[in-house]
Each structure stands twice: as structure tokens, then as C-alpha cells.
Amino acid sequence: MVNWSSTALHQWICNQWQINIHCVRTDIEIQGSPERALSRVVIEDNQGRFFLMEQFAEKKWAVRDRVARAVDFLSTSGLTQVLPYQKSVKGKFLPFFRGACFQLSVFLEGTPLKRPDYLSSSEIGKNAARFLIRMAESATGMHPQISFPRFSIKTYIHSLFETMKIHDRPVYDRFLPVLNFLESRFMPAHDHLPLAFCHGDLHLLNVIWEKDEIKAVIDWEFAGIKPDLYDAANFVGCAGIENPNGLGMEMVMTFVDELQKTAVISDTGWQFFPEYVLALRFAWLSEWLRKKDQEMVDLEHAFMKILVDHMPEIREAFCRVT
């Protein structure tokens, strides 16, 4: 991990981005997922401006550079609710210093959400949906310029179950009925779902809010080409894990209603929307297993069971009539 107080590092940052560091603001809390970087810190320059500086391992360079180019494309295309990464004086998004690469962006502070009260906010749901609509418009033409690896939640789930079968048979047996449910209808249809550019990890804590308005969406590491319902399904699932009743509350229902006024998600996507909400919970389950967080593993199991047991009602609520 880098020494953020190092004079040599400060001089290198100045040379790369023409920023004279006044101080490192260790007193400022940084939103988002800290484990995605080796380290990160807010710096204040001599003009009183605030920047987020992140350090990544060399092996992360290709992914982070692709993310930076995608975010830059969206920003250039008019999506104002992103924080584009700053290019160095040599035009690099991730220059290297002593074996690691570094990324710089403007730092914004926001308003903390009151959990789970936000589930009652129709404005938050509306603004989240409108962000996805604007992002889809701004991403037009990106794919030929930036190549993304394809992500398959179907492949991911099958791989996860193979691992659990070998290393954690009790968990495998516990979640196998959910897999069997998905195999009956969802898995055969998965490879035919229409694709689009997606943020890849859209949920309320990856948004910098100003009350119920979106200042910026952050943490784009998993951005790429995925089924067009991916972001919406993840957003809804993350609301439901907070409170299963939240699936029918104002935020989620307004979010879904706003999206259904557009063609951002295809008719095919809406047909499998409830199953995709369920399927994406396995990506979160994998995270809880990695962290050995038994409480969250238990919560995921309870939530998945609710989704399976109430799938007809959820489908009726979410699936657009075509």
C-alpha cells in the first residue's frame, strides 16, 4: 500500500495531473467499495479542490482502463451524472508509480440515505430510472469503440454451484432448490436475452445523492455488455434484501413504472425480470461466502425463498403486458 504522505508521490501526482497537493484529507469518508482498490484517499489541492485518488495493482490496469474509457464516453455523450477520470498530461487514465497504477477523479460528497426509509421515496425510484434511461441514450455507439467481455449469470451460477458442491456441501444443498427453480424456465432463455451496456453494480449505495437527486453514480468496475435488464434487476434485488416488502413499495414500483414507459428494457427482458432479480442474488451470495458472513448468507436464503414462493405475484407486479 502506498504512503499517501510521501513527498515523492506528491511530486509525481503534480507532474502527472498538474495538481499541487495541499493536504491528504483522511477525515473524509469515501463512498463505494474500498476493496476494489489497493488504497484510496481524498486529496485537497492548493485551490481548495477535492479529488479522489485510487491505487490499483498492475493486473487491474486493463479493466480499470476500459472502465475509464467507458465513463469518458458516457460523459462526452452528455451523461452528467458520472465522474470522468482525469487524464494525465500524457493522456493516460492510469499512469504507473512504483509498480502500481493510479486513477484520479473529482470527489463529491453527498447526503446519506436513511435506511430503510428510502424505500418509501417515489422520487428516488423515479430518478434512478431516469438515470438508466439517460445512460442507455449516452451509451449509443460505445460498443464498437470499447470491447467488453460478456458476462453470463447463468455460467456464473453453475460455476458457483460446482465450487460449493466440492468445498461447502451444506450450502450447496441449501440453495439447490433455488437453482432447480431457475433451471425450469430461466436458464434455457438466458442466452437469448437482448444485450446492452450496463453499469454492472447499480444499487443505492453506489450513488452519490443530494437528498433524492442523483449527483453521480460511482463504482463502474463491473460495467460492460450484459442483458438489458441487468441494472434494473440488481437495483430491485438490493431494495428487496433490505426489506422484502420493499418490492411493492413506492421506490421500487415507481422505478419499474418509469422504465416501462421506455424501451430501455426489451419485452423479453421484462418477461424474465423476476427470475433475473433472483438469479443476481447468487452474485451477492458468492460475496457473502467469500467474506464468511453467515448472517448475510442466511438473509440471502430467506430472500431467495420469498422470491421463489411468490414468483407469480412478483411477475404480475413487474412484467409488462405485451
C-alpha atoms as a PDB file:
ATOM      1  CA  MET A   1       0.000   0.000   0.000  1.00  0.00           C
ATOM      2  CA  VAL A   2       1.318   3.420  -0.943  1.00  0.00           C
ATOM      3  CA  ASN A   3       2.349   6.076   1.576  1.00  0.00           C
ATOM      4  CA  TRP A   4      -0.026   8.907   0.691  1.00  0.00           C
ATOM      5  CA  SER A   5       2.107  11.398   2.642  1.00  0.00           C
ATOM      6  CA  SER A   6       5.203  10.666   0.561  1.00  0.00           C
ATOM      7  CA  THR A   7       6.844  13.769  -0.918  1.00  0.00           C
ATOM      8  CA  ALA A   8       7.924  11.716  -3.923  1.00  0.00           C
ATOM      9  CA  LEU A   9       4.336  10.616  -4.569  1.00  0.00           C
ATOM     10  CA  HIS A  10       3.036  14.187  -4.247  1.00  0.00           C
ATOM     11  CA  GLN A  11       5.610  15.400  -6.754  1.00  0.00           C
ATOM     12  CA  TRP A  12       4.709  12.573  -9.130  1.00  0.00           C
ATOM     13  CA  ILE A  13       0.988  13.450  -8.872  1.00  0.00           C
ATOM     14  CA  CYS A  14       1.839  17.077  -9.596  1.00  0.00           C
ATOM     15  CA  ASN A  15       3.860  16.042 -12.650  1.00  0.00           C
ATOM     16  CA  GLN A  16       1.110  13.744 -13.927  1.00  0.00           C
ATOM     17  CA  TRP A  17      -2.002  15.883 -13.377  1.00  0.00           C
ATOM     18  CA  GLN A  18      -0.659  19.380 -12.659  1.00  0.00           C
ATOM     19  CA  ILE A  19      -2.170  19.279  -9.166  1.00  0.00           C
ATOM     20  CA  ASN A  20      -0.345  20.816  -6.229  1.00  0.00           C
ATOM     21  CA  ILE A  21      -1.426  18.882  -3.143  1.00  0.00           C
ATOM     22  CA  HIS A  22      -2.229  20.961  -0.100  1.00  0.00           C
ATOM     23  CA  CYS A  23      -3.135  18.024   2.140  1.00  0.00           C
ATOM     24  CA  VAL A  24      -4.470  14.481   2.290  1.00  0.00           C
ATOM     25  CA  ARG A  25      -7.990  14.506   3.774  1.00  0.00           C
ATOM     26  CA  THR A  26      -8.087  11.352   5.884  1.00  0.00           C
ATOM     27  CA  ASP A  27     -11.045  12.874   7.754  1.00  0.00           C
ATOM     28  CA  ILE A  28     -13.392  12.497   4.762  1.00  0.00           C
ATOM     29  CA  GLU A  29     -15.402   9.301   4.347  1.00  0.00           C
ATOM     30  CA  ILE A  30     -15.309   7.840   0.852  1.00  0.00           C
ATOM     31  CA  GLN A  31     -18.449   6.221  -0.542  1.00  0.00           C
ATOM     32  CA  GLY A  32     -18.352   2.999  -2.532  1.00  0.00           C
ATOM     33  CA  SER A  33     -16.473  -0.272  -2.137  1.00  0.00           C
ATOM     34  CA  PRO A  34     -12.950   0.148  -0.710  1.00  0.00           C
ATOM     35  CA  GLU A  35     -11.886  -3.420  -1.558  1.00  0.00           C
ATOM     36  CA  ARG A  36     -11.870  -2.651  -5.278  1.00  0.00           C
ATOM     37  CA  ALA A  37      -8.665  -0.608  -4.885  1.00  0.00           C
ATOM     38  CA  LEU A  38      -5.386  -1.282  -3.096  1.00  0.00           C
ATOM     39  CA  SER A  39      -5.954   2.021  -1.346  1.00  0.00           C
ATOM     40  CA  ARG A  40      -7.709   5.320  -1.942  1.00  0.00           C
ATOM     41  CA  VAL A  41      -7.766   8.761  -0.422  1.00  0.00           C
ATOM     42  CA  VAL A  42      -9.231  12.223  -0.870  1.00  0.00           C
ATOM     43  CA  ILE A  43      -6.685  14.925  -1.647  1.00  0.00           C
ATOM     44  CA  GLU A  44      -7.171  18.681  -1.477  1.00  0.00           C
ATOM     45  CA  ASP A  45      -5.131  20.882  -3.765  1.00  0.00           C
ATOM     46  CA  ASN A  46      -3.895  24.433  -3.240  1.00  0.00           C
ATOM     47  CA  GLN A  47      -7.039  25.802  -4.895  1.00  0.00           C
ATOM     48  CA  GLY A  48      -9.343  24.058  -2.409  1.00  0.00           C
ATOM     49  CA  ARG A  49     -10.493  21.454  -4.903  1.00  0.00           C
ATOM     50  CA  PHE A  50     -11.111  17.857  -3.816  1.00  0.00           C
ATOM     51  CA  PHE A  51     -10.067  14.771  -5.761  1.00  0.00           C
ATOM     52  CA  LEU A  52     -10.342  11.043  -5.228  1.00  0.00           C
ATOM     53  CA  MET A  53      -7.059   9.240  -5.861  1.00  0.00           C
ATOM     54  CA  GLU A  54      -7.126   5.445  -6.135  1.00  0.00           C
ATOM     55  CA  GLN A  55      -4.267   2.966  -6.300  1.00  0.00           C
ATOM     56  CA  PHE A  56      -4.657  -0.327  -8.197  1.00  0.00           C
ATOM     57  CA  ALA A  57      -2.496  -3.381  -8.693  1.00  0.00           C
ATOM     58  CA  GLU A  58      -0.803  -3.659 -12.079  1.00  0.00           C
ATOM     59  CA  LYS A  59      -3.025  -6.623 -13.006  1.00  0.00           C
ATOM     60  CA  LYS A  60      -6.074  -4.349 -12.695  1.00  0.00           C
ATOM     61  CA  TRP A  61      -4.826  -1.939 -15.354  1.00  0.00           C
ATOM     62  CA  ALA A  62      -6.726  -3.378 -18.340  1.00  0.00           C
ATOM     63  CA  VAL A  63     -10.070  -3.486 -16.501  1.00  0.00           C
ATOM     64  CA  ARG A  64      -9.678  -0.036 -14.980  1.00  0.00           C
ATOM     65  CA  ASP A  65      -8.570   1.496 -18.296  1.00  0.00           C
ATOM     66  CA  ARG A  66     -11.611   0.025 -20.056  1.00  0.00           C
ATOM     67  CA  VAL A  67     -13.855   1.402 -17.302  1.00  0.00           C
ATOM     68  CA  ALA A  68     -12.238   4.828 -17.574  1.00  0.00           C
ATOM     69  CA  ARG A  69     -12.754   4.918 -21.338  1.00  0.00           C
ATOM     70  CA  ALA A  70     -16.393   3.847 -20.958  1.00  0.00           C
ATOM     71  CA  VAL A  71     -17.120   6.510 -18.338  1.00  0.00           C
ATOM     72  CA  ASP A  72     -15.356   9.088 -20.504  1.00  0.00           C
ATOM     73  CA  PHE A  73     -17.527   8.067 -23.471  1.00  0.00           C
ATOM     74  CA  LEU A  74     -20.701   8.488 -21.390  1.00  0.00           C
ATOM     75  CA  SER A  75     -19.566  11.873 -20.085  1.00  0.00           C
ATOM     76  CA  THR A  76     -18.639  13.099 -23.557  1.00  0.00           C
ATOM     77  CA  SER A  77     -22.030  11.891 -24.806  1.00  0.00           C
ATOM     78  CA  GLY A  78     -23.794  14.136 -22.292  1.00  0.00           C
ATOM     79  CA  LEU A  79     -24.329  11.964 -19.214  1.00  0.00           C
ATOM     80  CA  THR A  80     -23.663  14.487 -16.473  1.00  0.00           C
ATOM     81  CA  GLN A  81     -24.165  12.095 -13.553  1.00  0.00           C
ATOM     82  CA  VAL A  82     -20.806  10.394 -13.951  1.00  0.00           C
ATOM     83  CA  LEU A  83     -17.403  11.441 -12.657  1.00  0.00           C
ATOM     84  CA  PRO A  84     -14.980  11.022 -15.575  1.00  0.00           C
ATOM     85  CA  TYR A  85     -11.452  10.042 -14.670  1.00  0.00           C
ATOM     86  CA  GLN A  86      -8.822  12.688 -15.284  1.00  0.00           C
ATOM     87  CA  LYS A  87      -6.218  12.037 -17.961  1.00  0.00           C
ATOM     88  CA  SER A  88      -2.599  12.708 -17.133  1.00  0.00           C
ATOM     89  CA  VAL A  89      -0.603  15.294 -19.089  1.00  0.00           C
ATOM     90  CA  LYS A  90       0.430  12.398 -21.351  1.00  0.00           C
ATOM     91  CA  GLY A  91      -3.194  11.408 -21.938  1.00  0.00           C
ATOM     92  CA  LYS A  92      -3.173   8.349 -19.677  1.00  0.00           C
ATOM     93  CA  PHE A  93      -6.053   7.385 -17.373  1.00  0.00           C
ATOM     94  CA  LEU A  94      -3.844   5.138 -15.223  1.00  0.00           C
ATOM     95  CA  PRO A  95      -0.174   6.132 -15.118  1.00  0.00           C
ATOM     96  CA  PHE A  96       2.215   3.966 -13.110  1.00  0.00           C
ATOM     97  CA  PHE A  97       4.212   4.817  -9.990  1.00  0.00           C
ATOM     98  CA  ARG A  98       6.455   2.217  -8.373  1.00  0.00           C
ATOM     99  CA  GLY A  99       4.669  -0.823  -9.754  1.00  0.00           C
ATOM    100  CA  ALA A 100       1.064   0.289  -9.239  1.00  0.00           C
ATOM    101  CA  CYS A 101      -1.330   2.337 -11.354  1.00  0.00           C
ATOM    102  CA  PHE A 102      -3.247   5.366 -10.122  1.00  0.00           C
ATOM    103  CA  GLN A 103      -6.543   6.951 -11.116  1.00  0.00           C
ATOM    104  CA  LEU A 104      -7.821  10.446 -10.391  1.00  0.00           C
ATOM    105  CA  SER A 105     -11.367  11.826 -10.384  1.00  0.00           C
ATOM    106  CA  VAL A 106     -13.220  14.752  -8.860  1.00  0.00           C
ATOM    107  CA  PHE A 107     -14.506  13.962  -5.374  1.00  0.00           C
ATOM    108  CA  LEU A 108     -18.107  14.706  -4.439  1.00  0.00           C
ATOM    109  CA  GLU A 109     -19.806  14.401  -1.077  1.00  0.00           C
ATOM    110  CA  GLY A 110     -23.473  13.525  -0.846  1.00  0.00           C
ATOM    111  CA  THR A 111     -26.396  13.114   1.504  1.00  0.00           C
ATOM    112  CA  PRO A 112     -26.513   9.793   3.377  1.00  0.00           C
ATOM    113  CA  LEU A 113     -29.696   7.837   2.726  1.00  0.00           C
ATOM    114  CA  LYS A 114     -31.824   6.928   5.701  1.00  0.00           C
ATOM    115  CA  ARG A 115     -32.231   3.160   5.542  1.00  0.00           C
ATOM    116  CA  PRO A 116     -34.735   1.636   5.003  1.00  0.00           C
ATOM    117  CA  ASP A 117     -36.888   4.785   4.824  1.00  0.00           C
ATOM    118  CA  TYR A 118     -35.795   5.430   1.247  1.00  0.00           C
ATOM    119  CA  LEU A 119     -37.996   2.519   0.135  1.00  0.00           C
ATOM    120  CA  SER A 120     -40.954   4.876   0.547  1.00  0.00           C
ATOM    121  CA  SER A 121     -39.470   7.526  -1.765  1.00  0.00           C
ATOM    122  CA  SER A 122     -41.040   7.581  -5.205  1.00  0.00           C
ATOM    123  CA  GLU A 123     -38.632  10.387  -6.201  1.00  0.00           C
ATOM    124  CA  ILE A 124     -35.598   8.190  -5.588  1.00  0.00           C
ATOM    125  CA  GLY A 125     -37.144   5.465  -7.729  1.00  0.00           C
ATOM    126  CA  LYS A 126     -38.004   7.906 -10.482  1.00  0.00           C
ATOM    127  CA  ASN A 127     -34.541   9.480 -10.521  1.00  0.00           C
ATOM    128  CA  ALA A 128     -32.790   6.090 -10.550  1.00  0.00           C
ATOM    129  CA  ALA A 129     -34.897   5.001 -13.538  1.00  0.00           C
ATOM    130  CA  ARG A 130     -34.246   8.246 -15.380  1.00  0.00           C
ATOM    131  CA  PHE A 131     -30.524   7.755 -14.863  1.00  0.00           C
ATOM    132  CA  LEU A 132     -30.719   4.347 -16.555  1.00  0.00           C
ATOM    133  CA  ILE A 133     -32.693   5.872 -19.412  1.00  0.00           C
ATOM    134  CA  ARG A 134     -30.123   8.641 -19.896  1.00  0.00           C
ATOM    135  CA  MET A 135     -27.249   6.163 -19.620  1.00  0.00           C
ATOM    136  CA  ALA A 136     -28.764   3.982 -22.360  1.00  0.00           C
ATOM    137  CA  GLU A 137     -29.028   7.009 -24.628  1.00  0.00           C
ATOM    138  CA  SER A 138     -25.462   8.117 -23.871  1.00  0.00           C
ATOM    139  CA  ALA A 139     -24.026   4.634 -24.446  1.00  0.00           C
ATOM    140  CA  THR A 140     -25.238   4.546 -28.061  1.00  0.00           C
ATOM    141  CA  GLY A 141     -22.259   3.788 -30.286  1.00  0.00           C
ATOM    142  CA  MET A 142     -19.915   2.818 -27.448  1.00  0.00           C
ATOM    143  CA  HIS A 143     -19.595  -0.891 -28.147  1.00  0.00           C
ATOM    144  CA  PRO A 144     -17.704  -0.653 -31.469  1.00  0.00           C
ATOM    145  CA  GLN A 145     -15.140   1.606 -29.772  1.00  0.00           C
ATOM    146  CA  ILE A 146     -14.710  -0.291 -26.483  1.00  0.00           C
ATOM    147  CA  SER A 147     -14.715  -4.076 -26.324  1.00  0.00           C
ATOM    148  CA  PHE A 148     -16.147  -5.688 -23.198  1.00  0.00           C
ATOM    149  CA  PRO A 149     -16.044  -9.314 -22.107  1.00  0.00           C
ATOM    150  CA  ARG A 150     -19.537 -10.807 -21.915  1.00  0.00           C
ATOM    151  CA  PHE A 151     -20.948 -11.731 -18.523  1.00  0.00           C
ATOM    152  CA  SER A 152     -23.340 -14.636 -18.052  1.00  0.00           C
ATOM    153  CA  ILE A 153     -25.114 -15.003 -14.710  1.00  0.00           C
ATOM    154  CA  LYS A 154     -26.101 -18.489 -15.906  1.00  0.00           C
ATOM    155  CA  THR A 155     -22.452 -19.534 -16.250  1.00  0.00           C
ATOM    156  CA  TYR A 156     -21.615 -17.754 -13.008  1.00  0.00           C
ATOM    157  CA  ILE A 157     -24.280 -19.647 -11.054  1.00  0.00           C
ATOM    158  CA  HIS A 158     -23.297 -23.019 -12.484  1.00  0.00           C
ATOM    159  CA  SER A 159     -19.655 -22.356 -11.607  1.00  0.00           C
ATOM    160  CA  LEU A 160     -20.603 -21.261  -8.097  1.00  0.00           C
ATOM    161  CA  PHE A 161     -22.582 -24.455  -7.527  1.00  0.00           C
ATOM    162  CA  GLU A 162     -19.704 -26.598  -8.783  1.00  0.00           C
ATOM    163  CA  THR A 163     -17.428 -24.885  -6.251  1.00  0.00           C
ATOM    164  CA  MET A 164     -19.945 -25.187  -3.419  1.00  0.00           C
ATOM    165  CA  LYS A 165     -20.515 -28.877  -4.183  1.00  0.00           C
ATOM    166  CA  ILE A 166     -16.824 -29.543  -3.619  1.00  0.00           C
ATOM    167  CA  HIS A 167     -15.999 -27.124  -0.819  1.00  0.00           C
ATOM    168  CA  ASP A 168     -19.274 -26.402   1.010  1.00  0.00           C
ATOM    169  CA  ARG A 169     -21.806 -29.175   0.514  1.00  0.00           C
ATOM    170  CA  PRO A 170     -24.266 -27.908   3.186  1.00  0.00           C
ATOM    171  CA  VAL A 171     -24.588 -24.567   1.397  1.00  0.00           C
ATOM    172  CA  TYR A 172     -24.870 -26.357  -1.951  1.00  0.00           C
ATOM    173  CA  ASP A 173     -27.744 -28.493  -0.649  1.00  0.00           C
ATOM    174  CA  ARG A 174     -29.421 -25.493   0.974  1.00  0.00           C
ATOM    175  CA  PHE A 175     -29.531 -23.427  -2.224  1.00  0.00           C
ATOM    176  CA  LEU A 176     -30.023 -26.244  -4.742  1.00  0.00           C
ATOM    177  CA  PRO A 177     -33.851 -25.865  -4.797  1.00  0.00           C
ATOM    178  CA  VAL A 178     -33.378 -22.271  -5.977  1.00  0.00           C
ATOM    179  CA  LEU A 179     -31.110 -23.428  -8.792  1.00  0.00           C
ATOM    180  CA  ASN A 180     -33.650 -26.091  -9.766  1.00  0.00           C
ATOM    181  CA  PHE A 181     -36.328 -23.410  -9.927  1.00  0.00           C
ATOM    182  CA  LEU A 182     -34.202 -21.287 -12.269  1.00  0.00           C
ATOM    183  CA  GLU A 183     -33.363 -24.289 -14.447  1.00  0.00           C
ATOM    184  CA  SER A 184     -37.014 -24.865 -15.305  1.00  0.00           C
ATOM    185  CA  ARG A 185     -37.673 -21.620 -17.186  1.00  0.00           C
ATOM    186  CA  PHE A 186     -34.953 -19.019 -16.791  1.00  0.00           C
ATOM    187  CA  MET A 187     -31.766 -20.868 -17.714  1.00  0.00           C
ATOM    188  CA  PRO A 188     -32.999 -22.069 -21.147  1.00  0.00           C
ATOM    189  CA  ALA A 189     -33.999 -18.492 -22.024  1.00  0.00           C
ATOM    190  CA  HIS A 190     -30.942 -16.736 -20.596  1.00  0.00           C
ATOM    191  CA  ASP A 191     -28.705 -16.873 -23.670  1.00  0.00           C
ATOM    192  CA  HIS A 192     -31.433 -15.255 -25.778  1.00  0.00           C
ATOM    193  CA  LEU A 193     -31.906 -12.154 -23.626  1.00  0.00           C
ATOM    194  CA  PRO A 194     -31.180  -8.897 -25.524  1.00  0.00           C
ATOM    195  CA  LEU A 195     -27.932  -7.204 -24.523  1.00  0.00           C
ATOM    196  CA  ALA A 196     -26.984  -3.620 -23.724  1.00  0.00           C
ATOM    197  CA  PHE A 197     -24.302  -1.611 -21.950  1.00  0.00           C
ATOM    198  CA  CYS A 198     -24.832  -1.770 -18.169  1.00  0.00           C
ATOM    199  CA  HIS A 199     -23.287  -0.189 -15.094  1.00  0.00           C
ATOM    200  CA  GLY A 200     -22.971  -3.664 -13.622  1.00  0.00           C
ATOM    201  CA  ASP A 201     -23.416  -2.857  -9.932  1.00  0.00           C
ATOM    202  CA  LEU A 202     -26.235  -0.354  -9.684  1.00  0.00           C
ATOM    203  CA  HIS A 203     -27.661  -0.010  -6.203  1.00  0.00           C
ATOM    204  CA  LEU A 204     -28.405   2.876  -3.900  1.00  0.00           C
ATOM    205  CA  LEU A 205     -25.022   2.864  -2.132  1.00  0.00           C
ATOM    206  CA  ASN A 206     -23.203   3.274  -5.448  1.00  0.00           C
ATOM    207  CA  VAL A 207     -24.966   6.584  -5.973  1.00  0.00           C
ATOM    208  CA  ILE A 208     -23.950   9.941  -4.534  1.00  0.00           C
ATOM    209  CA  TRP A 209     -27.240  11.531  -3.564  1.00  0.00           C
ATOM    210  CA  GLU A 210     -28.255  15.111  -2.851  1.00  0.00           C
ATOM    211  CA  LYS A 211     -31.409  14.288  -0.901  1.00  0.00           C
ATOM    212  CA  ASP A 212     -33.391  12.360  -3.534  1.00  0.00           C
ATOM    213  CA  GLU A 213     -31.486  13.711  -6.560  1.00  0.00           C
ATOM    214  CA  ILE A 214     -28.567  11.855  -8.151  1.00  0.00           C
ATOM    215  CA  LYS A 215     -25.318  13.826  -8.149  1.00  0.00           C
ATOM    216  CA  ALA A 216     -23.233  10.988  -9.552  1.00  0.00           C
ATOM    217  CA  VAL A 217     -23.154   7.217  -9.980  1.00  0.00           C
ATOM    218  CA  ILE A 218     -19.870   5.603  -8.918  1.00  0.00           C
ATOM    219  CA  ASP A 219     -18.090   2.210  -8.877  1.00  0.00           C
ATOM    220  CA  TRP A 220     -18.159   1.238 -12.567  1.00  0.00           C
ATOM    221  CA  GLU A 221     -15.742  -1.696 -12.289  1.00  0.00           C
ATOM    222  CA  PHE A 222     -18.338  -4.233 -13.476  1.00  0.00           C
ATOM    223  CA  ALA A 223     -19.593  -2.125 -16.398  1.00  0.00           C
ATOM    224  CA  GLY A 224     -19.991  -3.935 -19.665  1.00  0.00           C
ATOM    225  CA  ILE A 225     -22.309  -5.660 -22.100  1.00  0.00           C
ATOM    226  CA  LYS A 226     -24.962  -7.639 -20.211  1.00  0.00           C
ATOM    227  CA  PRO A 227     -28.682  -8.453 -20.597  1.00  0.00           C
ATOM    228  CA  ASP A 228     -30.572  -5.175 -20.858  1.00  0.00           C
ATOM    229  CA  LEU A 229     -32.479  -5.834 -17.614  1.00  0.00           C
ATOM    230  CA  TYR A 230     -29.312  -6.372 -15.554  1.00  0.00           C
ATOM    231  CA  ASP A 231     -29.029  -2.998 -13.818  1.00  0.00           C
ATOM    232  CA  ALA A 232     -32.724  -2.712 -13.072  1.00  0.00           C
ATOM    233  CA  ALA A 233     -32.893  -6.237 -11.685  1.00  0.00           C
ATOM    234  CA  ASN A 234     -29.882  -5.646  -9.450  1.00  0.00           C
ATOM    235  CA  PHE A 235     -31.347  -2.357  -8.211  1.00  0.00           C
ATOM    236  CA  VAL A 236     -34.667  -4.012  -7.337  1.00  0.00           C
ATOM    237  CA  GLY A 237     -32.992  -7.011  -5.707  1.00  0.00           C
ATOM    238  CA  CYS A 238     -30.867  -4.780  -3.496  1.00  0.00           C
ATOM    239  CA  ALA A 239     -34.021  -2.977  -2.378  1.00  0.00           C
ATOM    240  CA  GLY A 240     -35.721  -6.280  -1.626  1.00  0.00           C
ATOM    241  CA  ILE A 241     -32.880  -7.611   0.507  1.00  0.00           C
ATOM    242  CA  GLU A 242     -33.290  -4.529   2.724  1.00  0.00           C
ATOM    243  CA  ASN A 243     -36.947  -5.385   3.228  1.00  0.00           C
ATOM    244  CA  PRO A 244     -38.894  -7.933   1.154  1.00  0.00           C
ATOM    245  CA  ASN A 245     -41.954  -5.690   1.445  1.00  0.00           C
ATOM    246  CA  GLY A 246     -39.879  -3.072  -0.356  1.00  0.00           C
ATOM    247  CA  LEU A 247     -40.532  -4.866  -3.638  1.00  0.00           C
ATOM    248  CA  GLY A 248     -44.034  -3.447  -3.551  1.00  0.00           C
ATOM    249  CA  MET A 249     -43.237  -0.051  -2.033  1.00  0.00           C
ATOM    250  CA  GLU A 250     -43.126   3.325  -3.746  1.00  0.00           C
ATOM    251  CA  MET A 251     -39.451   3.449  -4.663  1.00  0.00           C
ATOM    252  CA  VAL A 252     -39.362   0.132  -6.493  1.00  0.00           C
ATOM    253  CA  MET A 253     -42.766   0.434  -8.120  1.00  0.00           C
ATOM    254  CA  THR A 254     -42.059   3.960  -9.374  1.00  0.00           C
ATOM    255  CA  PHE A 255     -38.653   2.794 -10.646  1.00  0.00           C
ATOM    256  CA  VAL A 256     -40.243  -0.051 -12.612  1.00  0.00           C
ATOM    257  CA  ASP A 257     -43.101   2.122 -13.866  1.00  0.00           C
ATOM    258  CA  GLU A 258     -40.717   4.784 -15.209  1.00  0.00           C
ATOM    259  CA  LEU A 259     -38.623   2.198 -17.034  1.00  0.00           C
ATOM    260  CA  GLN A 260     -41.691   0.564 -18.552  1.00  0.00           C
ATOM    261  CA  LYS A 261     -42.578   3.843 -20.248  1.00  0.00           C
ATOM    262  CA  THR A 262     -39.459   3.390 -22.391  1.00  0.00           C
ATOM    263  CA  ALA A 263     -37.750   0.701 -24.453  1.00  0.00           C
ATOM    264  CA  VAL A 264     -34.633   0.589 -22.263  1.00  0.00           C
ATOM    265  CA  ILE A 265     -35.565  -2.964 -21.278  1.00  0.00           C
ATOM    266  CA  SER A 266     -36.907  -5.203 -24.028  1.00  0.00           C
ATOM    267  CA  ASP A 267     -40.198  -7.068 -23.839  1.00  0.00           C
ATOM    268  CA  THR A 268     -38.195 -10.282 -23.480  1.00  0.00           C
ATOM    269  CA  GLY A 269     -36.283  -8.735 -20.605  1.00  0.00           C
ATOM    270  CA  TRP A 270     -39.483  -7.879 -18.759  1.00  0.00           C
ATOM    271  CA  GLN A 271     -40.768 -11.427 -19.227  1.00  0.00           C
ATOM    272  CA  PHE A 272     -37.813 -12.750 -17.228  1.00  0.00           C
ATOM    273  CA  PHE A 273     -37.324  -9.793 -14.917  1.00  0.00           C
ATOM    274  CA  PRO A 274     -38.384 -11.525 -11.653  1.00  0.00           C
ATOM    275  CA  GLU A 275     -36.155 -14.529 -12.351  1.00  0.00           C
ATOM    276  CA  TYR A 276     -33.227 -12.234 -13.125  1.00  0.00           C
ATOM    277  CA  VAL A 277     -33.707 -10.457  -9.791  1.00  0.00           C
ATOM    278  CA  LEU A 278     -33.452 -13.891  -8.194  1.00  0.00           C
ATOM    279  CA  ALA A 279     -30.503 -15.055 -10.303  1.00  0.00           C
ATOM    280  CA  LEU A 280     -28.398 -11.989  -9.485  1.00  0.00           C
ATOM    281  CA  ARG A 281     -28.674 -12.717  -5.769  1.00  0.00           C
ATOM    282  CA  PHE A 282     -26.204 -15.554  -6.361  1.00  0.00           C
ATOM    283  CA  ALA A 283     -23.511 -12.997  -7.196  1.00  0.00           C
ATOM    284  CA  TRP A 284     -24.171 -11.453  -3.797  1.00  0.00           C
ATOM    285  CA  LEU A 285     -24.253 -14.875  -2.148  1.00  0.00           C
ATOM    286  CA  SER A 286     -20.787 -15.542  -3.535  1.00  0.00           C
ATOM    287  CA  GLU A 287     -19.578 -12.318  -1.920  1.00  0.00           C
ATOM    288  CA  TRP A 288     -21.009 -13.271   1.472  1.00  0.00           C
ATOM    289  CA  LEU A 289     -19.447 -16.727   1.244  1.00  0.00           C
ATOM    290  CA  ARG A 290     -16.079 -15.191   0.395  1.00  0.00           C
ATOM    291  CA  LYS A 291     -16.357 -12.916   3.430  1.00  0.00           C
ATOM    292  CA  LYS A 292     -17.690 -15.763   5.607  1.00  0.00           C
ATOM    293  CA  ASP A 293     -20.677 -13.579   6.530  1.00  0.00           C
ATOM    294  CA  GLN A 294     -23.144 -16.191   7.760  1.00  0.00           C
ATOM    295  CA  GLU A 295     -25.788 -13.630   8.680  1.00  0.00           C
ATOM    296  CA  MET A 296     -25.946 -12.383   5.099  1.00  0.00           C
ATOM    297  CA  VAL A 297     -25.895 -15.945   3.721  1.00  0.00           C
ATOM    298  CA  ASP A 298     -28.948 -16.694   5.863  1.00  0.00           C
ATOM    299  CA  LEU A 299     -30.609 -13.470   4.740  1.00  0.00           C
ATOM    300  CA  GLU A 300     -29.992 -14.288   1.067  1.00  0.00           C
ATOM    301  CA  HIS A 301     -31.530 -17.719   1.535  1.00  0.00           C
ATOM    302  CA  ALA A 302     -34.618 -16.235   3.169  1.00  0.00           C
ATOM    303  CA  PHE A 303     -34.956 -13.618   0.427  1.00  0.00           C
ATOM    304  CA  MET A 304     -34.497 -16.127  -2.381  1.00  0.00           C
ATOM    305  CA  LYS A 305     -37.146 -18.357  -0.837  1.00  0.00           C
ATOM    306  CA  ILE A 306     -39.568 -15.429  -0.741  1.00  0.00           C
ATOM    307  CA  LEU A 307     -38.856 -14.709  -4.418  1.00  0.00           C
ATOM    308  CA  VAL A 308     -39.416 -18.346  -5.414  1.00  0.00           C
ATOM    309  CA  ASP A 309     -42.543 -18.815  -3.298  1.00  0.00           C
ATOM    310  CA  HIS A 310     -44.122 -15.551  -4.504  1.00  0.00           C
ATOM    311  CA  MET A 311     -42.917 -15.538  -8.109  1.00  0.00           C
ATOM    312  CA  PRO A 312     -46.431 -15.421  -9.645  1.00  0.00           C
ATOM    313  CA  GLU A 313     -47.353 -12.284  -7.674  1.00  0.00           C
ATOM    314  CA  ILE A 314     -43.985 -10.644  -8.383  1.00  0.00           C
ATOM    315  CA  ARG A 315     -44.316 -11.441 -12.067  1.00  0.00           C
ATOM    316  CA  GLU A 316     -47.770  -9.879 -12.166  1.00  0.00           C
ATOM    317  CA  ALA A 317     -46.431  -6.733 -10.483  1.00  0.00           C
ATOM    318  CA  PHE A 318     -43.296  -6.308 -12.615  1.00  0.00           C
ATOM    319  CA  CYS A 319     -43.837  -7.850 -16.004  1.00  0.00           C
ATOM    320  CA  ARG A 320     -45.086  -5.544 -18.705  1.00  0.00           C
ATOM    321  CA  VAL A 321     -48.133  -6.774 -20.590  1.00  0.00           C
ATOM    322  CA  THR A 322     -47.213  -7.072 -24.247  1.00  0.00           C
END
